[in-house]
Amino acid sequence: MTENLPAAGDGPAEAPRHSDAGERTETGQGQPTVEPSGDNWYRSPNPQAPDPTYAPVHGPAPTSAYPPAAGPTPAASAYPPASSGPGPSAPSSSSSDYPDESPNPWSAAGFPYYGSPPSTPPGGYGPPPTGPIPGPQTGPLTAGYTIMGTQVEPRRRKGSGGLIAGIAVLALVIGGLAGALGGYLVGGRTDGPVVSSLATPPPANQASNAPAGSAQSVAGKVLPVVVTIAAEFQDQNGANGDTGSGIVISSDGNILTNNHVIASAVSGGKIQAIFADGRTVDATVVGRDPTTDIAVIKAKGVTGLPVAALGSSGSLAVGQQVVAIGAPFDLTGTVTTGIVSSLHRPTAAGDGNDQGTVLDAIQTDAAINPGNSGGPLVNMQGQIVGINSAIYSPSSGDPQAGAQGGNVGIGFAIPIDQARRTANEIVQSGHATQTVLGVQVADNVPSQDAILPNGALIKTVTSGGPADKAGLKVGAVVVKADGRLVTSSDGLVAAVHAAAPGDQMKLTLSDGSVITVTLGGQPVSTN
């Protein structure tokens, strides 16, 4: 290792420091040799010694790499006097042995280079020994050897007691550091205030600021006018019951719901309405229409009720957002959201399975389940646009077969325009009027190779009825009703039921001709 010295004029140069960079390696007769560490200074076996020892080989001798040790000046040399005889000895101080060597910094000749000589050598240093190193000369580990012209006594092995004590101290230090680090990581810093979420006071209750048109805003408007309906009845199995939902349409207790929710309790059963505020009151049937699955009941002894805002189903569009509210599986006040999936979807109403109960329904993916029946389908302005009535059953393809199943994202609602007309008739007269065309129809299959029907085939025409008066004949195929495609017999029936008695309807036939019919009406039987 070579030390950089200060340039001239930078002040006294520090004595080069000795390096122990050389390593002993096993060579020759198994004797260690110190590898070179710089300036051609190395050691090799001395063939003149009785035992393998080490002496410097001629070359530039580095000066000591260690600075003078601090402390009092020793009174005498730390080494015994030199003696003649076998064994290593200190090299001669004659410059003829080392013609290129710098003066000894501790001699008078060296101090022109290094400054004024001290009165005594620095503490810890003395004159080099002139005789052999005391002790047995038994091998390289015990024999004296020479470094930089000075014989040095080999390092002696220390006792095991100091090693054990050092290990114990080290273990205590490491344990203390580990404990401190663990406490820091687990307990956190202790030089700052401790903050706890549990100590933070809850925020003050704030008034609802639901944005207009959000589901939250809609729920806030409509939930107070939605009721849960419980119908109890007797059947062959004894006492039984159904639950559904309803909408308050008058402050004195008129409630709009599905016919199939209360139909089983009409004869000898019991009907109750449970309001949003928790009140439960008995109710009676005002009137019902199985063909449209609409019924009106009246809660007893109530006044001042909030009432629903009815919208228009005629302005609905596919993809429009809607909200369904009701009591699915007796979970009162449940709110779900979705869109209008389709319009004018022919769907069998209530418990009916004939063409007289087909609806012109709204299809939605808002979750509708058993218990939602009779509850509202609402637009984002909080207006009722439909009455939830049926769900699709993938097992049979029959919406009513899935009435006790679960939501699969296909639900159906009665358009509010049709429900409003029917409910108004029931409230005013106690019964409803069904719109009729005066025909019987079937699916039209254009050929034996066709898979799907195309249009409604007129099978019979009631004499003197609306169709007969308009000139509609048996065998004609209706493909459009008021411009809307008719792909099946149910499609034509649904279009007629969605209209009101006295409305005019334009029917487009498969031959391209158009017939205008004035629709009639007939009282609905509730038997």
Protein backbone atom coordinates (compact mmCIF):
# COMPACT_ATOMS: atom_id res chain seq x y z
CA MET A 1 0.00 0.00 0.00
CA THR A 2 1.45 3.36 -1.00
CA GLU A 3 0.48 6.57 0.80
CA ASN A 4 0.23 9.90 -1.00
CA LEU A 5 2.48 12.51 0.51
CA PRO A 6 1.81 16.28 0.57
CA ALA A 7 3.41 18.36 -2.11
CA ALA A 8 6.40 20.53 -1.27
CA GLY A 9 5.42 23.54 0.72
CA ASP A 10 2.30 21.95 2.13
CA GLY A 11 3.82 21.48 5.56
CA PRO A 12 5.53 18.58 7.28
CA ALA A 13 4.90 15.31 5.56
CA GLU A 14 3.32 12.55 7.58
CA ALA A 15 5.40 9.42 7.92
CA PRO A 16 4.24 6.72 5.54
CA ARG A 17 2.11 4.18 7.30
CA HIS A 18 2.85 0.52 7.34
CA SER A 19 0.33 -1.80 5.66
CA ASP A 20 -0.46 -5.35 6.61
CA ALA A 21 -1.94 -5.94 3.19
CA GLY A 22 0.46 -8.78 2.50
CA GLU A 23 -1.02 -12.21 3.18
CA ARG A 24 0.78 -15.36 4.17
CA THR A 25 0.41 -18.28 1.78
CA GLU A 26 1.74 -21.81 2.10
CA THR A 27 4.72 -22.36 -0.27
CA GLY A 28 7.96 -24.39 -0.47
CA GLN A 29 8.41 -26.56 2.59
CA GLY A 30 5.10 -25.59 4.06
CA GLN A 31 6.50 -22.34 5.37
CA PRO A 32 4.44 -19.16 5.05
CA THR A 33 5.66 -16.41 2.79
CA VAL A 34 4.37 -12.84 2.91
CA GLU A 35 3.12 -11.69 -0.48
CA PRO A 36 4.33 -8.32 -1.78
CA SER A 37 2.34 -5.31 -0.60
CA GLY A 38 4.17 -2.56 -2.47
CA ASP A 39 7.63 -1.07 -3.12
CA ASN A 40 9.23 -4.53 -3.55
CA TRP A 41 9.13 -5.04 0.21
CA TYR A 42 8.60 -8.67 1.10
CA ARG A 43 9.96 -11.41 3.29
CA SER A 44 11.32 -14.85 2.43
CA PRO A 45 13.02 -17.64 4.33
CA ASN A 46 16.54 -16.84 5.51
CA PRO A 47 18.78 -19.74 4.57
CA GLN A 48 21.43 -18.67 7.09
CA ALA A 49 19.13 -19.08 10.08
CA PRO A 50 19.10 -22.38 11.98
CA ASP A 51 15.31 -22.27 11.87
CA PRO A 52 13.10 -20.91 9.13
CA THR A 53 12.86 -17.22 9.85
CA TYR A 54 12.17 -14.11 7.84
CA ALA A 55 14.43 -11.25 6.88
CA PRO A 56 14.21 -8.43 4.39
CA VAL A 57 15.50 -8.94 0.87
CA HIS A 58 17.58 -6.10 -0.49
CA GLY A 59 15.43 -3.35 -2.01
CA PRO A 60 13.87 0.00 -1.14
CA ALA A 61 12.79 -0.28 2.46
CA PRO A 62 9.57 1.55 3.31
CA THR A 63 9.44 3.65 6.36
CA SER A 64 6.95 3.01 9.12
CA ALA A 65 3.33 3.35 8.10
CA TYR A 66 2.23 4.11 11.62
CA PRO A 67 2.46 7.56 13.22
CA PRO A 68 4.35 7.96 16.45
CA ALA A 69 2.30 6.65 19.33
CA ALA A 70 1.15 9.12 21.93
CA GLY A 71 2.33 8.74 25.49
CA PRO A 72 5.41 9.12 27.64
CA THR A 73 8.76 8.36 26.21
CA PRO A 74 10.02 4.96 27.36
CA ALA A 75 13.10 5.03 29.53
CA ALA A 76 14.70 2.17 27.70
CA SER A 77 14.30 0.00 24.64
CA ALA A 78 11.48 -2.49 24.67
CA TYR A 79 13.82 -5.04 23.16
CA PRO A 80 16.72 -6.89 24.75
CA PRO A 81 20.29 -6.03 23.70
CA ALA A 82 21.56 -7.61 20.52
CA SER A 83 23.90 -10.59 20.78
CA SER A 84 25.97 -12.47 18.30
CA GLY A 85 25.18 -15.91 17.27
CA PRO A 86 22.69 -17.68 15.12
CA GLY A 87 19.30 -16.23 14.53
CA PRO A 88 17.98 -13.13 12.82
CA SER A 89 19.48 -9.76 13.51
CA ALA A 90 18.61 -6.18 12.67
CA PRO A 91 20.00 -4.89 9.43
CA SER A 92 22.92 -2.55 9.53
CA SER A 93 22.14 1.14 9.58
CA SER A 94 24.92 1.75 7.12
CA SER A 95 23.71 3.45 4.03
CA SER A 96 25.94 1.12 2.00
CA ASP A 97 23.51 -1.68 2.63
CA TYR A 98 20.62 0.43 1.39
CA PRO A 99 22.10 3.06 -0.88
CA ASP A 100 18.67 4.30 -1.99
CA GLU A 101 17.09 4.36 1.45
CA SER A 102 15.93 7.66 2.95
CA PRO A 103 17.55 8.73 6.23
CA ASN A 104 16.15 7.27 9.40
CA PRO A 105 13.55 9.79 10.53
CA TRP A 106 14.57 9.22 14.14
CA SER A 107 18.26 9.93 13.52
CA ALA A 108 20.01 13.28 13.34
CA ALA A 109 20.66 12.73 9.66
CA GLY A 110 16.97 12.29 8.95
CA PHE A 111 15.70 15.47 10.50
CA PRO A 112 16.72 17.76 7.67
CA TYR A 113 13.93 15.96 5.93
CA TYR A 114 11.43 15.78 8.77
CA GLY A 115 12.25 18.61 11.14
CA SER A 116 14.11 19.01 14.43
CA PRO A 117 14.84 15.77 16.28
CA PRO A 118 12.90 15.11 19.44
CA SER A 119 14.81 14.68 22.66
CA THR A 120 13.52 11.14 22.93
CA PRO A 121 11.79 8.79 20.52
CA PRO A 122 8.00 8.95 20.58
CA GLY A 123 6.21 6.87 23.14
CA GLY A 124 6.02 3.22 22.31
CA TYR A 125 9.13 3.19 20.08
CA GLY A 126 12.78 2.44 20.94
CA PRO A 127 16.01 1.57 19.19
CA PRO A 128 15.88 -1.59 17.13
CA PRO A 129 17.06 -4.69 18.89
CA THR A 130 20.59 -5.91 18.11
CA GLY A 131 20.22 -9.46 19.27
CA PRO A 132 17.89 -12.39 18.74
CA ILE A 133 14.33 -12.26 19.96
CA PRO A 134 13.98 -14.08 23.27
CA GLY A 135 12.00 -17.24 23.33
CA PRO A 136 12.12 -20.61 21.67
CA GLN A 137 13.03 -20.76 18.00
CA THR A 138 10.76 -23.60 16.98
CA GLY A 139 9.13 -22.52 13.75
CA PRO A 140 7.65 -19.71 11.79
CA LEU A 141 4.87 -19.10 14.32
CA THR A 142 7.30 -18.61 17.23
CA ALA A 143 10.46 -17.43 15.54
CA GLY A 144 11.25 -13.72 15.52
CA TYR A 145 11.03 -12.01 12.17
CA THR A 146 12.07 -8.63 10.87
CA ILE A 147 9.73 -5.91 9.52
CA MET A 148 11.23 -2.70 8.13
CA GLY A 149 14.53 -3.45 9.86
CA THR A 150 13.00 -4.19 13.27
CA GLN A 151 12.64 -7.59 14.85
CA VAL A 152 9.13 -8.14 16.16
CA GLU A 153 8.03 -10.73 18.63
CA PRO A 154 5.26 -12.95 17.18
CA ARG A 155 1.73 -12.27 18.28
CA ARG A 156 0.69 -14.42 21.20
CA ARG A 157 -2.72 -16.12 21.35
CA LYS A 158 -4.97 -14.52 23.88
CA GLY A 159 -6.87 -16.44 26.46
CA SER A 160 -10.44 -17.70 25.79
CA GLY A 161 -11.85 -15.73 28.72
CA GLY A 162 -11.55 -12.43 26.85
CA LEU A 163 -13.18 -13.93 23.76
CA ILE A 164 -16.16 -15.19 25.75
CA ALA A 165 -16.57 -11.85 27.45
CA GLY A 166 -16.42 -10.08 24.10
CA ILE A 167 -19.08 -12.37 22.65
CA ALA A 168 -21.32 -11.76 25.65
CA VAL A 169 -20.98 -7.99 25.29
CA LEU A 170 -21.67 -8.22 21.56
CA ALA A 171 -24.80 -10.31 22.20
CA LEU A 172 -26.05 -7.76 24.71
CA VAL A 173 -25.47 -4.91 22.26
CA ILE A 174 -27.23 -6.74 19.40
CA GLY A 175 -30.12 -7.68 21.68
CA GLY A 176 -30.50 -4.09 22.80
CA LEU A 177 -30.47 -2.80 19.24
CA ALA A 178 -33.02 -5.43 18.15
CA GLY A 179 -35.29 -4.56 21.07
CA ALA A 180 -35.08 -0.86 20.28
CA LEU A 181 -35.80 -1.48 16.59
CA GLY A 182 -38.75 -3.78 17.41
CA GLY A 183 -40.18 -1.21 19.79
CA TYR A 184 -39.86 1.46 17.10
CA LEU A 185 -41.58 -0.66 14.46
CA VAL A 186 -44.35 -1.98 16.73
CA GLY A 187 -44.96 0.93 19.01
CA GLY A 188 -44.11 3.71 16.60
CA ARG A 189 -42.07 6.74 17.34
CA THR A 190 -42.35 8.10 20.81
CA ASP A 191 -41.07 11.57 20.09
CA GLY A 192 -44.44 12.88 18.86
CA PRO A 193 -48.11 12.93 19.88
CA VAL A 194 -50.15 9.71 19.49
CA VAL A 195 -53.14 10.04 17.15
CA SER A 196 -56.06 7.59 17.34
CA SER A 197 -59.02 7.26 14.97
CA LEU A 198 -61.14 6.18 17.92
CA ALA A 199 -60.49 9.50 19.65
CA THR A 200 -61.65 11.51 16.64
CA PRO A 201 -65.23 12.73 17.11
CA PRO A 202 -67.74 11.61 14.45
CA PRO A 203 -68.75 14.24 11.90
CA ALA A 204 -71.93 16.17 12.54
CA ASN A 205 -75.05 14.88 10.83
CA GLN A 206 -75.62 16.78 7.63
CA ALA A 207 -78.78 17.27 5.64
CA SER A 208 -79.03 15.07 2.56
CA ASN A 209 -77.63 16.72 -0.51
CA ALA A 210 -78.40 13.96 -2.99
CA PRO A 211 -78.08 15.34 -6.52
CA ALA A 212 -81.29 15.60 -8.48
CA GLY A 213 -81.83 12.61 -10.74
CA SER A 214 -79.78 10.24 -8.60
CA ALA A 215 -81.08 6.94 -7.22
CA GLN A 216 -80.66 8.39 -3.74
CA SER A 217 -82.87 11.34 -4.60
CA VAL A 218 -85.48 9.05 -6.18
CA ALA A 219 -85.52 6.77 -3.14
CA GLY A 220 -86.01 9.74 -0.85
CA LYS A 221 -89.07 10.86 -2.81
CA VAL A 222 -90.75 7.50 -3.42
CA LEU A 223 -90.07 5.32 -0.37
CA PRO A 224 -92.66 7.14 1.80
CA VAL A 225 -95.46 6.24 -0.66
CA VAL A 226 -94.58 2.53 -1.02
CA VAL A 227 -96.34 0.01 1.24
CA THR A 228 -95.95 -3.69 1.93
CA ILE A 229 -99.11 -5.77 1.47
CA ALA A 230 -99.79 -9.01 3.35
CA ALA A 231 -102.64 -11.27 2.20
CA GLU A 232 -103.76 -14.16 4.40
CA PHE A 233 -106.06 -16.88 3.15
CA GLN A 234 -107.14 -20.47 3.66
CA ASP A 235 -106.41 -23.24 1.17
CA GLN A 236 -106.35 -27.03 1.22
CA ASN A 237 -103.17 -26.89 3.30
CA GLY A 238 -104.69 -24.58 5.90
CA ALA A 239 -103.67 -20.98 6.57
CA ASN A 240 -101.41 -19.50 3.93
CA GLY A 241 -100.38 -16.08 2.72
CA ASP A 242 -98.74 -13.91 0.09
CA THR A 243 -96.84 -10.67 0.32
CA GLY A 244 -96.32 -7.94 -2.22
CA SER A 245 -96.01 -4.20 -2.58
CA GLY A 246 -98.28 -1.27 -3.38
CA ILE A 247 -98.35 2.49 -4.06
CA VAL A 248 -100.40 5.08 -2.19
CA ILE A 249 -102.49 6.97 -4.78
CA SER A 250 -104.79 8.92 -2.42
CA SER A 251 -104.27 10.56 0.97
CA ASP A 252 -107.28 8.68 2.40
CA GLY A 253 -105.74 5.23 1.79
CA ASN A 254 -106.33 4.05 -1.83
CA ILE A 255 -103.42 1.77 -2.79
CA LEU A 256 -102.55 0.56 -6.32
CA THR A 257 -101.15 -2.98 -6.58
CA ASN A 258 -101.22 -6.17 -8.66
CA ASN A 259 -104.33 -8.31 -8.76
CA HIS A 260 -102.34 -11.50 -8.14
CA VAL A 261 -101.03 -10.09 -4.81
CA ILE A 262 -104.50 -9.95 -3.20
CA ALA A 263 -106.59 -12.34 -5.36
CA SER A 264 -106.26 -15.31 -2.99
CA ALA A 265 -107.55 -13.30 0.00
CA VAL A 266 -110.61 -11.84 -1.74
CA SER A 267 -112.93 -14.62 -0.56
CA GLY A 268 -112.74 -14.97 3.21
CA GLY A 269 -109.14 -13.88 3.60
CA LYS A 270 -107.49 -10.91 5.28
CA ILE A 271 -105.44 -8.07 3.75
CA GLN A 272 -103.17 -5.68 5.64
CA ALA A 273 -101.06 -2.73 4.55
CA ILE A 274 -97.78 -1.87 6.28
CA PHE A 275 -96.74 1.75 5.71
CA ALA A 276 -93.25 3.19 5.54
CA ASP A 277 -93.65 4.67 9.03
CA GLY A 278 -94.30 1.19 10.44
CA ARG A 279 -98.08 1.41 10.86
CA THR A 280 -100.05 -1.72 10.00
CA VAL A 281 -103.73 -1.38 9.11
CA ASP A 282 -106.40 -3.61 7.65
CA ALA A 283 -107.45 -3.06 4.04
CA THR A 284 -110.38 -4.00 1.78
CA VAL A 285 -110.62 -4.60 -1.99
CA VAL A 286 -112.05 -1.68 -3.99
CA GLY A 287 -111.87 -3.50 -7.34
CA ARG A 288 -109.60 -5.55 -9.55
CA ASP A 289 -108.92 -6.51 -13.18
CA PRO A 290 -107.37 -9.96 -13.77
CA THR A 291 -106.85 -9.19 -17.47
CA THR A 292 -104.47 -6.34 -16.73
CA ASP A 293 -103.32 -7.61 -13.30
CA ILE A 294 -104.37 -4.33 -11.66
CA ALA A 295 -106.17 -3.98 -8.29
CA VAL A 296 -107.00 -1.17 -5.87
CA ILE A 297 -107.33 -1.71 -2.11
CA LYS A 298 -108.22 0.79 0.61
CA ALA A 299 -106.51 1.06 3.98
CA LYS A 300 -108.95 1.63 6.83
CA GLY A 301 -108.95 4.65 9.10
CA VAL A 302 -106.06 6.63 7.59
CA THR A 303 -105.86 10.20 6.37
CA GLY A 304 -103.20 12.66 5.28
CA LEU A 305 -101.02 10.07 3.58
CA PRO A 306 -98.32 11.18 1.10
CA VAL A 307 -99.23 10.17 -2.46
CA ALA A 308 -97.17 9.05 -5.45
CA ALA A 309 -96.44 11.20 -8.50
CA LEU A 310 -97.53 9.33 -11.64
CA GLY A 311 -95.53 9.85 -14.82
CA SER A 312 -96.12 8.69 -18.41
CA SER A 313 -94.97 5.39 -19.87
CA GLY A 314 -95.54 6.71 -23.38
CA SER A 315 -92.37 8.82 -23.14
CA LEU A 316 -90.08 6.00 -22.05
CA ALA A 317 -87.05 5.08 -24.16
CA VAL A 318 -84.92 1.96 -24.27
CA GLY A 319 -81.81 2.47 -22.16
CA GLN A 320 -83.45 5.01 -19.86
CA GLN A 321 -82.49 4.63 -16.19
CA VAL A 322 -85.15 3.43 -13.77
CA VAL A 323 -85.47 2.41 -10.11
CA ALA A 324 -87.53 -0.47 -8.69
CA ILE A 325 -88.82 -0.28 -5.10
CA GLY A 326 -90.66 -2.90 -3.07
CA ALA A 327 -90.41 -5.70 -0.51
CA PRO A 328 -88.67 -8.64 -2.18
CA PHE A 329 -88.72 -11.70 0.07
CA ASP A 330 -90.35 -9.53 2.77
CA LEU A 331 -87.40 -7.08 2.76
CA THR A 332 -89.44 -3.89 3.06
CA GLY A 333 -88.19 -0.74 1.36
CA THR A 334 -85.66 -2.37 -0.97
CA VAL A 335 -84.35 -0.13 -3.76
CA THR A 336 -82.71 -1.46 -6.94
CA THR A 337 -81.64 0.28 -10.12
CA GLY A 338 -81.49 -0.57 -13.81
CA ILE A 339 -82.59 0.54 -17.24
CA VAL A 340 -85.49 0.07 -19.59
CA SER A 341 -84.33 -2.99 -21.51
CA SER A 342 -87.21 -3.07 -24.01
CA LEU A 343 -90.70 -1.72 -24.65
CA HIS A 344 -93.96 -3.33 -25.87
CA ARG A 345 -92.95 -6.78 -24.67
CA PRO A 346 -96.00 -9.14 -24.76
CA THR A 347 -96.22 -10.77 -21.31
CA ALA A 348 -98.92 -12.85 -19.62
CA ALA A 349 -100.36 -10.94 -16.66
CA GLY A 350 -100.89 -12.31 -13.17
CA ASP A 351 -101.94 -15.93 -12.96
CA GLY A 352 -103.52 -15.95 -16.42
CA ASN A 353 -102.36 -18.15 -19.24
CA ASP A 354 -104.68 -17.11 -22.06
CA GLN A 355 -104.63 -14.25 -24.52
CA GLY A 356 -107.06 -12.27 -22.42
CA THR A 357 -104.31 -11.53 -19.87
CA VAL A 358 -101.45 -10.51 -22.19
CA LEU A 359 -99.80 -7.19 -21.31
CA ASP A 360 -97.86 -4.69 -23.38
CA ALA A 361 -95.08 -4.70 -20.75
CA ILE A 362 -91.96 -2.70 -20.03
CA GLN A 363 -88.89 -4.93 -19.75
CA THR A 364 -86.22 -3.90 -17.22
CA ASP A 365 -83.06 -5.30 -15.72
CA ALA A 366 -83.67 -3.61 -12.37
CA ALA A 367 -83.82 -6.43 -9.83
CA ILE A 368 -87.41 -7.64 -9.35
CA ASN A 369 -88.09 -10.61 -7.09
CA PRO A 370 -91.09 -12.20 -5.36
CA GLY A 371 -92.49 -9.48 -3.10
CA ASN A 372 -91.75 -6.69 -5.61
CA SER A 373 -95.08 -7.33 -7.34
CA GLY A 374 -97.32 -4.27 -7.19
CA GLY A 375 -94.41 -1.96 -6.38
CA PRO A 376 -93.36 0.99 -8.53
CA LEU A 377 -90.93 1.26 -11.43
CA VAL A 378 -89.75 4.88 -11.24
CA ASN A 379 -87.97 7.27 -13.60
CA MET A 380 -85.12 9.44 -12.34
CA GLN A 381 -87.49 12.33 -11.65
CA GLY A 382 -89.25 10.24 -9.01
CA GLN A 383 -92.36 9.61 -11.17
CA ILE A 384 -94.07 6.22 -11.37
CA VAL A 385 -93.81 4.84 -14.93
CA GLY A 386 -94.75 1.20 -14.34
CA ILE A 387 -96.13 -1.38 -11.89
CA ASN A 388 -93.73 -4.31 -11.37
CA SER A 389 -95.60 -7.51 -12.16
CA ALA A 390 -93.56 -10.49 -13.39
CA ILE A 391 -90.12 -11.98 -13.83
CA TYR A 392 -88.78 -14.40 -16.40
CA SER A 393 -88.04 -18.02 -15.47
CA PRO A 394 -85.23 -19.55 -17.54
CA SER A 395 -86.45 -23.04 -16.63
CA SER A 396 -89.73 -22.81 -18.47
CA GLY A 397 -89.74 -19.53 -20.39
CA ASP A 398 -92.94 -18.63 -18.54
CA PRO A 399 -92.67 -15.38 -16.54
CA GLN A 400 -95.15 -16.59 -13.93
CA ALA A 401 -93.39 -19.91 -13.48
CA GLY A 402 -90.49 -17.91 -12.05
CA ALA A 403 -92.66 -15.94 -9.61
CA GLN A 404 -91.07 -17.76 -6.65
CA GLY A 405 -87.64 -17.89 -8.22
CA GLY A 406 -85.12 -15.07 -8.29
CA ASN A 407 -84.03 -12.20 -10.46
CA VAL A 408 -82.13 -13.05 -13.64
CA GLY A 409 -82.14 -9.51 -14.99
CA ILE A 410 -85.41 -9.87 -16.94
CA GLY A 411 -88.38 -8.29 -15.23
CA PHE A 412 -91.67 -6.87 -16.53
CA ALA A 413 -93.81 -3.93 -15.46
CA ILE A 414 -97.30 -2.80 -16.49
CA PRO A 415 -97.07 0.60 -18.23
CA ILE A 416 -98.42 3.30 -15.92
CA ASP A 417 -100.63 4.72 -18.69
CA GLN A 418 -102.56 1.47 -18.80
CA ALA A 419 -102.50 1.00 -15.00
CA ARG A 420 -103.74 4.56 -14.42
CA ARG A 421 -106.71 4.12 -16.74
CA THR A 422 -107.68 0.81 -15.14
CA ALA A 423 -107.23 2.10 -11.57
CA ASN A 424 -109.28 5.21 -12.32
CA GLU A 425 -112.16 3.08 -13.60
CA ILE A 426 -111.99 0.87 -10.49
CA VAL A 427 -112.00 3.83 -8.09
CA GLN A 428 -114.92 5.49 -9.88
CA SER A 429 -117.11 2.47 -10.62
CA GLY A 430 -115.63 -0.49 -8.74
CA HIS A 431 -114.90 -2.40 -11.93
CA ALA A 432 -112.69 -2.17 -15.02
CA THR A 433 -113.36 -2.25 -18.75
CA GLN A 434 -111.24 -4.34 -21.09
CA THR A 435 -110.38 -3.04 -24.57
CA VAL A 436 -111.35 -5.47 -27.35
CA LEU A 437 -110.88 -5.85 -31.15
CA GLY A 438 -113.49 -8.56 -31.66
CA VAL A 439 -111.26 -11.28 -33.17
CA GLN A 440 -109.45 -14.51 -32.28
CA VAL A 441 -105.87 -14.74 -33.51
CA ALA A 442 -102.99 -17.22 -33.85
CA ASP A 443 -99.34 -17.01 -34.75
CA ASN A 444 -98.75 -16.75 -38.47
CA VAL A 445 -96.18 -19.20 -39.83
CA PRO A 446 -95.47 -18.16 -43.41
CA SER A 447 -94.10 -21.54 -44.55
CA GLN A 448 -93.22 -25.00 -43.33
CA ASP A 449 -89.55 -24.05 -43.39
CA ALA A 450 -90.05 -20.99 -41.20
CA ILE A 451 -88.81 -21.22 -37.61
CA LEU A 452 -90.36 -18.04 -36.18
CA PRO A 453 -93.85 -16.65 -36.75
CA ASN A 454 -94.37 -13.47 -38.69
CA GLY A 455 -97.54 -11.58 -37.84
CA ALA A 456 -100.94 -12.38 -36.29
CA LEU A 457 -103.28 -14.59 -38.31
CA ILE A 458 -107.03 -13.71 -37.96
CA LYS A 459 -108.79 -16.98 -37.11
CA THR A 460 -112.33 -15.70 -36.32
CA VAL A 461 -114.13 -12.35 -36.40
CA THR A 462 -116.94 -11.49 -33.94
CA SER A 463 -120.02 -10.48 -35.86
CA GLY A 464 -120.85 -6.85 -35.28
CA GLY A 465 -117.66 -6.27 -33.37
CA PRO A 466 -115.07 -3.55 -34.05
CA ALA A 467 -113.02 -5.70 -36.50
CA ASP A 468 -116.12 -6.80 -38.41
CA LYS A 469 -117.29 -3.23 -38.73
CA ALA A 470 -113.86 -2.19 -40.08
CA GLY A 471 -113.88 -4.96 -42.71
CA LEU A 472 -111.19 -7.20 -41.27
CA LYS A 473 -111.56 -10.74 -42.70
CA VAL A 474 -110.64 -14.21 -41.54
CA GLY A 475 -107.27 -15.28 -42.95
CA ALA A 476 -105.82 -11.79 -42.96
CA VAL A 477 -102.37 -11.39 -41.42
CA VAL A 478 -101.71 -8.29 -39.33
CA VAL A 479 -98.01 -7.27 -39.41
CA LYS A 480 -98.26 -3.81 -37.83
CA ALA A 481 -100.48 -2.04 -35.28
CA ASP A 482 -100.24 1.74 -35.27
CA GLY A 483 -96.91 1.43 -37.03
CA ARG A 484 -95.48 -1.03 -34.49
CA LEU A 485 -94.28 -4.40 -35.74
CA VAL A 486 -96.49 -7.37 -34.87
CA THR A 487 -94.53 -10.63 -35.00
CA SER A 488 -96.99 -12.90 -33.16
CA SER A 489 -100.60 -13.18 -32.02
CA ASP A 490 -99.64 -12.01 -28.52
CA GLY A 491 -98.11 -8.90 -30.05
CA LEU A 492 -101.47 -7.86 -31.51
CA VAL A 493 -103.36 -8.64 -28.27
CA ALA A 494 -100.87 -6.62 -26.20
CA ALA A 495 -101.22 -3.62 -28.51
CA VAL A 496 -105.02 -3.71 -28.22
CA HIS A 497 -104.96 -4.04 -24.39
CA ALA A 498 -102.63 -1.07 -24.10
CA ALA A 499 -105.17 1.17 -25.83
CA ALA A 500 -108.44 2.45 -24.38
CA PRO A 501 -111.95 1.69 -25.57
CA GLY A 502 -112.92 4.16 -28.32
CA ASP A 503 -109.33 4.61 -29.55
CA GLN A 504 -108.69 4.22 -33.26
CA MET A 505 -105.98 1.79 -34.38
CA LYS A 506 -104.45 1.38 -37.83
CA LEU A 507 -103.73 -2.25 -38.77
CA THR A 508 -101.28 -2.99 -41.59
CA LEU A 509 -101.83 -6.33 -43.33
CA SER A 510 -99.27 -8.58 -44.99
CA ASP A 511 -100.57 -7.56 -48.45
CA GLY A 512 -99.74 -3.93 -47.65
CA SER A 513 -103.31 -2.75 -47.09
CA VAL A 514 -104.22 -0.69 -44.00
CA ILE A 515 -107.46 -0.96 -42.03
CA THR A 516 -108.52 1.54 -39.35
CA VAL A 517 -110.47 0.04 -36.45
CA THR A 518 -112.33 1.83 -33.60
CA LEU A 519 -111.70 -0.33 -30.54
CA GLY A 520 -114.52 -1.42 -28.23
CA GLY A 521 -114.71 -2.36 -24.55
CA GLN A 522 -116.40 -4.90 -22.29
CA PRO A 523 -116.72 -5.22 -18.51
CA VAL A 524 -114.12 -7.40 -16.85
CA SER A 525 -115.36 -10.39 -14.90
CA THR A 526 -113.61 -10.96 -11.60
CA ASN A 527 -114.86 -14.54 -11.16
